[in-house]
Amino acid sequence: MARQVLSGIKVLELGQLIAGPFAAKTLADFGATIIKVEPPVNGDPLRKWRMLHEGTSVWWEAQSRGKQSICIDLRQKEGQDMVRTLAAQADVLIENFRPGTMEKWGLSPEKLHALNPGLIMVRVSGYGQTGPRSQEPGFAAIAEAMSGLRYLNGEPGRAPVRAGLSLGDTLAGLHGALGVLLALYERDARGGKGQVIDVSLFESIFNLTESLLPEYSVFGAVREPAGAALPGIAPSNAYRCATGEYVLISGNGDGIFQRLMHSIGRPDLAEDPGLAQNDGRAARAQELDDAIGLWTQQRTPDEILPAMKDANVPAGRIYSVRDIANDEHYRARNAIATLRAASGIDVEMPNVAPLLSETPGAIQARAPLLGEHTDQVLKDAGLDEATIRTLREKGVIA
């Protein structure tokens, strides 16, 4: 295995479900040691989310790959003491509890930095650690609505829709992982100290909203839902085929637009000077969509997509997960990994991304059983067997 860029970095993960654990999973893929703290008995609720195999979620297998699981009851003083011991030896701590919870447990940044000045602490929450809504419970669906994303999703005049994935959580997780890398660089390359990374779900999505606010601030323009189209950028849409299926065609580059129009037999539009640049095309987007749609409705996807490829125009089918699992490009890129779970089943999942040429990431290990590494992690932290046995008898660990 190639050298792992985060090898030697120890991460203490206190979070549950998606956002914090996704950040830790991303770091694990590049070599960081992840010690995941779970509550005794039931563990992380994600173990029981969506489809289960022999009582364990297959989502868990993807989200928790490469991690070590230890069981500590954080509500007990001795459990909080265990976290202090582990945090004193860690590079990074990730938590996604409601703001104030860590302080209630005596695990505030100030107290942890007194033990370990180099500790990088990632705090993921719905609304951030400050502000009038900071104490409210925050879920991804609500953050997607607050960020403006949900307002844009869907067809005009119909109820907003969600993407069917917890985008707010995973985007927050990626922002958290990015924050860790920035903080590690400041600490290790520039001689800085540990710091707190405050990640909110709503800001993580808001960060990706492109021209939404600039257009409102300058023009007072409120972008409205536009279905499959991309408002202000044309032509780019989903077009119905003769089979009733849809294909996506993006002809919004200046040269691409000309090639697309010639390909569909509309050289008049290709050579129209009013359509040479995007602003002119955006003003006549419906006209262009009608022309493209008339052409696609007379053809199958198997006719349309080769024509687009020949014209060097971006186009594609709308994939279901079945299409993904059987796609030759995914396989050629090794974008799908297969991991054998503790139960013995093979589970396919997204492989490590992005791809680094010199220090590529790699899945380190399967997802852990609940508490699988409790004894070993605590022994490595300096506890003797008698202490571990006493803590287990008290129900502090499992």
Protein backbone atom coordinates (compact mmCIF):
# COMPACT_ATOMS: atom_id res chain seq x y z
CA MET A 1 0.00 0.00 0.00
CA ALA A 2 1.28 3.48 -0.86
CA ARG A 3 2.14 5.89 1.93
CA GLN A 4 -1.00 7.41 3.43
CA VAL A 5 -0.93 11.20 3.65
CA LEU A 6 -2.69 11.28 7.05
CA SER A 7 -0.85 8.33 8.54
CA GLY A 8 -0.06 9.05 12.19
CA ILE A 9 -2.97 11.46 12.65
CA LYS A 10 -5.28 10.28 15.43
CA VAL A 11 -8.93 11.36 15.31
CA LEU A 12 -11.41 10.97 18.16
CA GLU A 13 -14.94 10.83 16.72
CA LEU A 14 -17.75 11.57 19.15
CA GLY A 15 -20.47 12.31 16.61
CA GLN A 16 -23.33 10.14 15.44
CA LEU A 17 -25.28 9.50 12.25
CA ILE A 18 -24.00 11.45 9.27
CA ALA A 19 -22.21 14.82 9.31
CA GLY A 20 -19.41 14.31 11.85
CA PRO A 21 -18.91 10.63 10.99
CA PHE A 22 -18.75 11.47 7.26
CA ALA A 23 -15.91 13.89 7.97
CA ALA A 24 -14.10 11.18 9.94
CA LYS A 25 -14.70 8.61 7.20
CA THR A 26 -13.10 10.98 4.70
CA LEU A 27 -10.03 11.35 6.91
CA ALA A 28 -9.87 7.58 7.48
CA ASP A 29 -9.72 6.98 3.74
CA PHE A 30 -6.43 8.90 3.66
CA GLY A 31 -4.80 7.08 6.53
CA ALA A 32 -5.97 8.78 9.73
CA THR A 33 -6.64 6.52 12.73
CA ILE A 34 -10.28 7.01 13.73
CA ILE A 35 -11.39 6.10 17.24
CA LYS A 36 -15.16 6.20 17.14
CA VAL A 37 -16.86 6.59 20.52
CA GLU A 38 -20.31 5.00 20.61
CA PRO A 39 -22.85 4.73 23.42
CA PRO A 40 -23.05 1.27 24.99
CA VAL A 41 -25.84 -1.19 24.09
CA ASN A 42 -27.10 0.34 20.82
CA GLY A 43 -24.18 2.33 19.47
CA ASP A 44 -24.50 4.88 16.69
CA PRO A 45 -28.13 5.01 15.47
CA LEU A 46 -26.86 4.72 11.90
CA ARG A 47 -26.32 1.03 12.61
CA LYS A 48 -30.12 0.67 12.30
CA TRP A 49 -30.86 3.14 9.48
CA ARG A 50 -32.45 2.06 6.21
CA MET A 51 -31.88 -1.47 4.92
CA LEU A 52 -30.38 -3.96 7.40
CA HIS A 53 -28.49 -7.19 6.84
CA GLU A 54 -28.52 -9.45 9.89
CA GLY A 55 -29.49 -6.47 12.02
CA THR A 56 -26.88 -3.99 10.77
CA SER A 57 -27.33 -1.26 8.19
CA VAL A 58 -25.35 -1.72 4.99
CA TRP A 59 -25.03 2.09 5.00
CA TRP A 60 -23.06 1.65 8.23
CA GLU A 61 -20.55 -0.50 6.38
CA ALA A 62 -19.75 2.37 4.02
CA GLN A 63 -19.90 5.23 6.51
CA SER A 64 -17.78 3.56 9.21
CA ARG A 65 -15.16 1.78 7.16
CA GLY A 66 -11.66 2.09 8.50
CA LYS A 67 -12.73 3.08 12.02
CA GLN A 68 -12.22 1.58 15.47
CA SER A 69 -15.28 1.36 17.74
CA ILE A 70 -15.15 1.86 21.48
CA CYS A 71 -18.17 2.10 23.78
CA ILE A 72 -18.19 4.85 26.41
CA ASP A 73 -21.17 6.27 28.30
CA LEU A 74 -20.54 10.01 27.96
CA ARG A 75 -23.28 10.79 30.48
CA GLN A 76 -21.16 9.37 33.29
CA LYS A 77 -18.30 11.29 34.85
CA GLU A 78 -15.90 8.39 34.36
CA GLY A 79 -16.85 8.31 30.69
CA GLN A 80 -16.11 12.00 30.35
CA ASP A 81 -12.77 11.35 32.05
CA MET A 82 -12.04 8.69 29.42
CA VAL A 83 -12.70 11.23 26.65
CA ARG A 84 -10.29 13.66 28.30
CA THR A 85 -7.64 10.96 28.38
CA LEU A 86 -8.17 10.12 24.71
CA ALA A 87 -8.41 13.77 23.62
CA ALA A 88 -5.12 14.52 25.35
CA GLN A 89 -3.47 12.06 22.94
CA ALA A 90 -5.43 12.95 19.79
CA ASP A 91 -4.75 15.33 16.93
CA VAL A 92 -8.40 15.89 16.08
CA LEU A 93 -11.73 15.60 17.88
CA ILE A 94 -14.97 15.61 15.88
CA GLU A 95 -18.37 16.10 17.51
CA ASN A 96 -21.81 16.95 16.17
CA PHE A 97 -23.90 17.32 19.31
CA ARG A 98 -26.20 20.26 19.93
CA PRO A 99 -24.13 23.30 20.97
CA GLY A 100 -23.57 23.34 24.70
CA THR A 101 -23.55 19.57 25.14
CA MET A 102 -19.77 19.25 25.28
CA GLU A 103 -19.63 22.15 27.73
CA LYS A 104 -22.21 20.40 29.93
CA TRP A 105 -19.95 17.35 30.02
CA GLY A 106 -16.89 19.41 30.95
CA LEU A 107 -15.42 18.88 27.47
CA SER A 108 -15.37 22.46 26.20
CA PRO A 109 -12.63 23.58 23.81
CA GLU A 110 -11.04 25.61 26.59
CA LYS A 111 -10.77 22.60 28.89
CA LEU A 112 -9.59 20.24 26.19
CA HIS A 113 -7.00 22.72 24.92
CA ALA A 114 -5.69 23.05 28.46
CA LEU A 115 -4.90 19.32 28.24
CA ASN A 116 -3.78 19.33 24.61
CA PRO A 117 -2.96 22.74 23.08
CA GLY A 118 -2.50 21.17 19.65
CA LEU A 119 -5.97 19.60 19.51
CA ILE A 120 -8.07 20.48 16.47
CA MET A 121 -11.74 20.37 17.40
CA VAL A 122 -14.42 20.09 14.72
CA ARG A 123 -17.89 21.09 15.91
CA VAL A 124 -20.71 20.32 13.47
CA SER A 125 -24.22 21.55 14.18
CA GLY A 126 -27.33 22.66 12.38
CA TYR A 127 -26.91 26.41 12.88
CA GLY A 128 -23.36 26.85 14.24
CA GLN A 129 -22.06 27.44 17.75
CA THR A 130 -23.25 31.07 17.86
CA GLY A 131 -26.25 33.10 16.75
CA PRO A 132 -29.92 33.23 17.79
CA ARG A 133 -30.75 29.75 16.43
CA SER A 134 -27.63 27.97 17.67
CA GLN A 135 -29.48 26.07 20.41
CA GLU A 136 -32.18 24.69 18.10
CA PRO A 137 -32.01 21.11 16.87
CA GLY A 138 -30.77 21.10 13.30
CA PHE A 139 -31.33 18.42 10.67
CA ALA A 140 -30.14 18.41 7.07
CA ALA A 141 -33.63 18.79 5.63
CA ILE A 142 -34.17 22.02 7.58
CA ALA A 143 -30.69 23.28 6.71
CA GLU A 144 -31.37 22.63 3.02
CA ALA A 145 -34.50 24.74 3.32
CA MET A 146 -32.76 27.56 5.21
CA SER A 147 -29.86 27.68 2.74
CA GLY A 148 -32.13 28.30 -0.25
CA LEU A 149 -31.52 24.91 -1.85
CA ARG A 150 -34.96 23.46 -1.17
CA TYR A 151 -36.65 26.59 -2.57
CA LEU A 152 -34.97 25.98 -5.92
CA ASN A 153 -35.62 22.25 -6.15
CA GLY A 154 -38.66 21.10 -8.05
CA GLU A 155 -41.10 22.25 -10.71
CA PRO A 156 -42.58 25.76 -10.78
CA GLY A 157 -45.81 25.95 -8.80
CA ARG A 158 -45.32 22.62 -7.04
CA ALA A 159 -44.06 21.70 -3.58
CA PRO A 160 -40.26 21.88 -3.21
CA VAL A 161 -38.56 18.50 -3.30
CA ARG A 162 -35.44 17.11 -1.67
CA ALA A 163 -32.68 15.31 -3.49
CA GLY A 164 -33.33 12.00 -1.70
CA LEU A 165 -29.96 12.17 0.06
CA SER A 166 -28.77 13.95 3.18
CA LEU A 167 -26.85 16.58 1.22
CA GLY A 168 -26.65 19.01 4.13
CA ASP A 169 -24.94 16.41 6.31
CA THR A 170 -22.40 15.22 3.77
CA LEU A 171 -21.57 18.75 2.62
CA ALA A 172 -21.01 19.72 6.26
CA GLY A 173 -18.83 16.63 6.66
CA LEU A 174 -16.71 17.65 3.69
CA HIS A 175 -16.36 21.18 5.05
CA GLY A 176 -15.31 19.68 8.38
CA ALA A 177 -12.68 17.50 6.71
CA LEU A 178 -11.41 20.50 4.76
CA GLY A 179 -11.20 22.47 7.98
CA VAL A 180 -9.13 19.70 9.57
CA LEU A 181 -6.63 19.76 6.72
CA LEU A 182 -6.30 23.55 6.92
CA ALA A 183 -5.86 23.44 10.69
CA LEU A 184 -3.31 20.62 10.48
CA TYR A 185 -1.30 22.65 7.98
CA GLU A 186 -1.38 25.70 10.26
CA ARG A 187 -0.34 23.60 13.25
CA ASP A 188 2.27 21.34 11.71
CA ALA A 189 3.73 23.37 8.84
CA ARG A 190 3.56 26.83 10.38
CA GLY A 191 4.07 26.06 14.05
CA GLY A 192 0.56 27.11 15.05
CA LYS A 193 -1.65 25.65 17.72
CA GLY A 194 -4.90 23.72 17.84
CA GLN A 195 -8.14 25.50 17.03
CA VAL A 196 -11.90 25.08 16.79
CA ILE A 197 -13.61 24.51 13.43
CA ASP A 198 -17.25 25.65 13.61
CA VAL A 199 -19.22 23.94 10.83
CA SER A 200 -22.94 24.48 10.37
CA LEU A 201 -25.16 22.50 8.05
CA PHE A 202 -26.90 25.56 6.63
CA GLU A 203 -23.67 27.44 5.85
CA SER A 204 -22.14 24.38 4.21
CA ILE A 205 -24.97 24.30 1.70
CA PHE A 206 -25.18 28.10 1.43
CA ASN A 207 -21.51 28.08 0.43
CA LEU A 208 -22.50 26.24 -2.76
CA THR A 209 -25.32 28.54 -3.89
CA GLU A 210 -23.31 30.23 -6.64
CA SER A 211 -24.90 33.46 -7.94
CA LEU A 212 -28.05 33.22 -5.82
CA LEU A 213 -27.28 36.01 -3.35
CA PRO A 214 -25.13 38.20 -5.63
CA GLU A 215 -28.04 38.43 -8.08
CA TYR A 216 -30.48 39.32 -5.32
CA SER A 217 -28.15 41.91 -3.77
CA VAL A 218 -27.55 43.72 -7.07
CA PHE A 219 -30.81 43.19 -8.98
CA GLY A 220 -33.34 42.17 -6.34
CA ALA A 221 -33.79 38.98 -8.37
CA VAL A 222 -35.20 35.91 -6.60
CA ARG A 223 -34.32 32.76 -8.52
CA GLU A 224 -37.34 30.50 -8.78
CA PRO A 225 -37.62 26.73 -9.26
CA ALA A 226 -37.05 25.73 -12.87
CA GLY A 227 -37.42 21.96 -12.91
CA ALA A 228 -34.70 20.32 -14.96
CA ALA A 229 -33.48 23.56 -16.54
CA LEU A 230 -30.59 25.71 -15.35
CA PRO A 231 -31.95 29.27 -15.25
CA GLY A 232 -29.83 31.88 -16.98
CA ILE A 233 -27.59 29.28 -18.65
CA ALA A 234 -28.82 27.85 -21.93
CA PRO A 235 -29.38 25.43 -23.41
CA SER A 236 -29.13 22.91 -20.59
CA ASN A 237 -32.08 20.68 -19.76
CA ALA A 238 -33.57 17.21 -19.66
CA TYR A 239 -35.19 16.35 -22.98
CA ARG A 240 -37.83 13.71 -23.62
CA CYS A 241 -37.01 10.94 -26.07
CA ALA A 242 -39.21 8.84 -28.34
CA THR A 243 -39.15 6.06 -25.73
CA GLY A 244 -40.49 8.33 -22.97
CA GLU A 245 -37.08 8.40 -21.29
CA TYR A 246 -35.12 11.59 -20.77
CA VAL A 247 -31.57 12.53 -21.66
CA LEU A 248 -29.59 15.46 -20.36
CA ILE A 249 -27.96 17.73 -22.93
CA SER A 250 -25.75 20.65 -21.94
CA GLY A 251 -25.03 22.89 -24.90
CA ASN A 252 -24.34 26.07 -22.99
CA GLY A 253 -20.72 26.65 -24.07
CA ASP A 254 -20.41 28.98 -27.06
CA GLY A 255 -18.65 26.50 -29.34
CA ILE A 256 -20.62 23.57 -27.95
CA PHE A 257 -23.87 25.38 -28.74
CA GLN A 258 -22.90 25.75 -32.40
CA ARG A 259 -21.97 22.09 -32.70
CA LEU A 260 -25.22 21.05 -31.01
CA MET A 261 -27.35 23.14 -33.35
CA HIS A 262 -25.61 21.75 -36.43
CA SER A 263 -26.04 18.22 -35.06
CA ILE A 264 -29.82 18.61 -34.69
CA GLY A 265 -30.18 20.18 -38.12
CA ARG A 266 -30.59 23.79 -37.03
CA PRO A 267 -27.69 25.66 -38.63
CA ASP A 268 -29.84 28.78 -38.61
CA LEU A 269 -29.68 28.88 -34.83
CA ALA A 270 -25.99 27.97 -34.82
CA GLU A 271 -25.18 31.00 -36.97
CA ASP A 272 -27.61 33.43 -35.36
CA PRO A 273 -25.42 36.26 -33.96
CA GLY A 274 -27.95 36.86 -31.20
CA LEU A 275 -27.23 33.39 -29.84
CA ALA A 276 -23.45 33.53 -30.02
CA GLN A 277 -23.08 34.10 -26.27
CA ASN A 278 -24.90 32.91 -23.18
CA ASP A 279 -26.82 36.10 -22.40
CA GLY A 280 -28.52 35.97 -25.79
CA ARG A 281 -29.26 32.27 -25.47
CA ALA A 282 -30.64 32.68 -21.95
CA ALA A 283 -33.14 35.26 -23.24
CA ARG A 284 -34.36 32.71 -25.80
CA ALA A 285 -34.01 29.57 -23.69
CA GLN A 286 -37.52 28.32 -24.39
CA GLU A 287 -37.01 28.61 -28.13
CA LEU A 288 -33.82 26.57 -27.89
CA ASP A 289 -35.38 23.95 -25.61
CA ASP A 290 -38.26 23.57 -28.06
CA ALA A 291 -35.86 23.02 -30.95
CA ILE A 292 -33.80 20.45 -29.09
CA GLY A 293 -36.89 18.75 -27.68
CA LEU A 294 -38.45 18.42 -31.13
CA TRP A 295 -35.31 16.61 -32.28
CA THR A 296 -34.99 14.29 -29.25
CA GLN A 297 -38.68 13.32 -29.25
CA GLN A 298 -38.17 11.67 -32.64
CA ARG A 299 -35.22 9.59 -31.47
CA THR A 300 -34.24 7.01 -28.86
CA PRO A 301 -31.43 7.55 -26.34
CA ASP A 302 -29.37 5.05 -28.32
CA GLU A 303 -29.63 7.38 -31.30
CA ILE A 304 -29.29 10.66 -29.44
CA LEU A 305 -26.25 9.96 -27.30
CA PRO A 306 -23.93 8.73 -30.11
CA ALA A 307 -24.90 11.81 -32.12
CA MET A 308 -24.00 14.03 -29.19
CA LYS A 309 -20.72 12.20 -28.71
CA ASP A 310 -19.85 12.65 -32.38
CA ALA A 311 -20.59 16.37 -32.07
CA ASN A 312 -18.56 16.61 -28.85
CA VAL A 313 -21.57 17.85 -26.89
CA PRO A 314 -21.94 16.86 -23.20
CA ALA A 315 -24.93 14.55 -22.85
CA GLY A 316 -25.96 11.52 -20.86
CA ARG A 317 -28.61 9.23 -19.51
CA ILE A 318 -30.12 9.76 -16.08
CA TYR A 319 -28.63 6.92 -14.07
CA SER A 320 -30.36 4.85 -11.45
CA VAL A 321 -28.15 3.00 -8.98
CA ARG A 322 -28.56 -0.09 -11.19
CA ASP A 323 -26.98 1.85 -14.05
CA ILE A 324 -24.14 2.96 -11.77
CA ALA A 325 -23.44 -0.58 -10.59
CA ASN A 326 -23.17 -1.83 -14.17
CA ASP A 327 -21.40 1.09 -15.81
CA GLU A 328 -18.07 0.34 -17.46
CA HIS A 329 -16.63 3.79 -16.73
CA TYR A 330 -17.28 3.46 -12.99
CA ARG A 331 -15.52 0.10 -13.09
CA ALA A 332 -12.63 1.32 -15.22
CA ARG A 333 -12.05 4.18 -12.78
CA ASN A 334 -12.24 1.81 -9.82
CA ALA A 335 -14.88 4.18 -8.42
CA ILE A 336 -16.75 1.33 -6.75
CA ALA A 337 -15.16 -0.56 -3.88
CA THR A 338 -16.21 -3.91 -2.47
CA LEU A 339 -15.74 -4.48 1.24
CA ARG A 340 -16.45 -7.67 3.18
CA ALA A 341 -18.49 -6.84 6.27
CA ALA A 342 -18.06 -8.55 9.63
CA SER A 343 -21.13 -10.64 8.80
CA GLY A 344 -19.34 -12.07 5.77
CA ILE A 345 -21.34 -10.31 3.05
CA ASP A 346 -19.65 -8.26 0.34
CA VAL A 347 -20.92 -4.68 0.21
CA GLU A 348 -20.30 -2.36 -2.71
CA MET A 349 -19.83 1.33 -1.93
CA PRO A 350 -18.22 4.48 -3.35
CA ASN A 351 -14.45 4.17 -3.36
CA VAL A 352 -12.04 6.79 -2.03
CA ALA A 353 -12.15 10.22 -3.66
CA PRO A 354 -10.34 12.33 -4.73
CA LEU A 355 -7.51 10.43 -6.43
CA LEU A 356 -4.00 11.48 -5.41
CA SER A 357 -1.12 10.40 -7.65
CA GLU A 358 1.60 10.11 -4.99
CA THR A 359 -0.25 9.46 -1.74
CA PRO A 360 -3.55 7.88 -2.78
CA GLY A 361 -6.18 7.06 -0.23
CA ALA A 362 -7.38 3.54 0.47
CA ILE A 363 -10.06 1.92 2.57
CA GLN A 364 -8.23 0.84 5.70
CA ALA A 365 -10.58 -1.81 7.10
CA ARG A 366 -14.20 -2.94 7.33
CA ALA A 367 -16.67 -1.13 9.57
CA PRO A 368 -16.28 -2.20 13.21
CA LEU A 369 -18.57 -4.23 15.40
CA LEU A 370 -19.96 -2.29 18.34
CA GLY A 371 -17.21 -1.85 20.93
CA GLU A 372 -14.86 -4.09 18.99
CA HIS A 373 -11.78 -2.05 19.90
CA THR A 374 -12.67 -0.76 23.38
CA ASP A 375 -10.10 -2.73 25.34
CA GLN A 376 -7.23 -2.24 22.91
CA VAL A 377 -7.76 1.51 22.53
CA LEU A 378 -7.96 2.04 26.28
CA LYS A 379 -4.86 -0.09 26.86
CA ASP A 380 -3.03 1.97 24.24
CA ALA A 381 -4.16 5.08 26.12
CA GLY A 382 -2.47 3.80 29.28
CA LEU A 383 -5.26 2.09 31.24
CA ASP A 384 -4.49 -1.23 32.89
CA GLU A 385 -6.72 -4.28 32.73
CA ALA A 386 -8.00 -3.83 36.28
CA THR A 387 -9.18 -0.29 35.54
CA ILE A 388 -10.83 -1.38 32.32
CA ARG A 389 -12.60 -4.22 34.14
CA THR A 390 -13.86 -1.83 36.84
CA LEU A 391 -15.16 0.65 34.25
CA ARG A 392 -16.97 -2.17 32.45
CA GLU A 393 -18.56 -3.37 35.70
CA LYS A 394 -19.86 0.17 36.33
CA GLY A 395 -21.33 0.34 32.81
CA VAL A 396 -19.06 3.22 31.80
CA ILE A 397 -17.62 1.22 28.91
CA ALA A 398 -18.76 -1.82 26.99
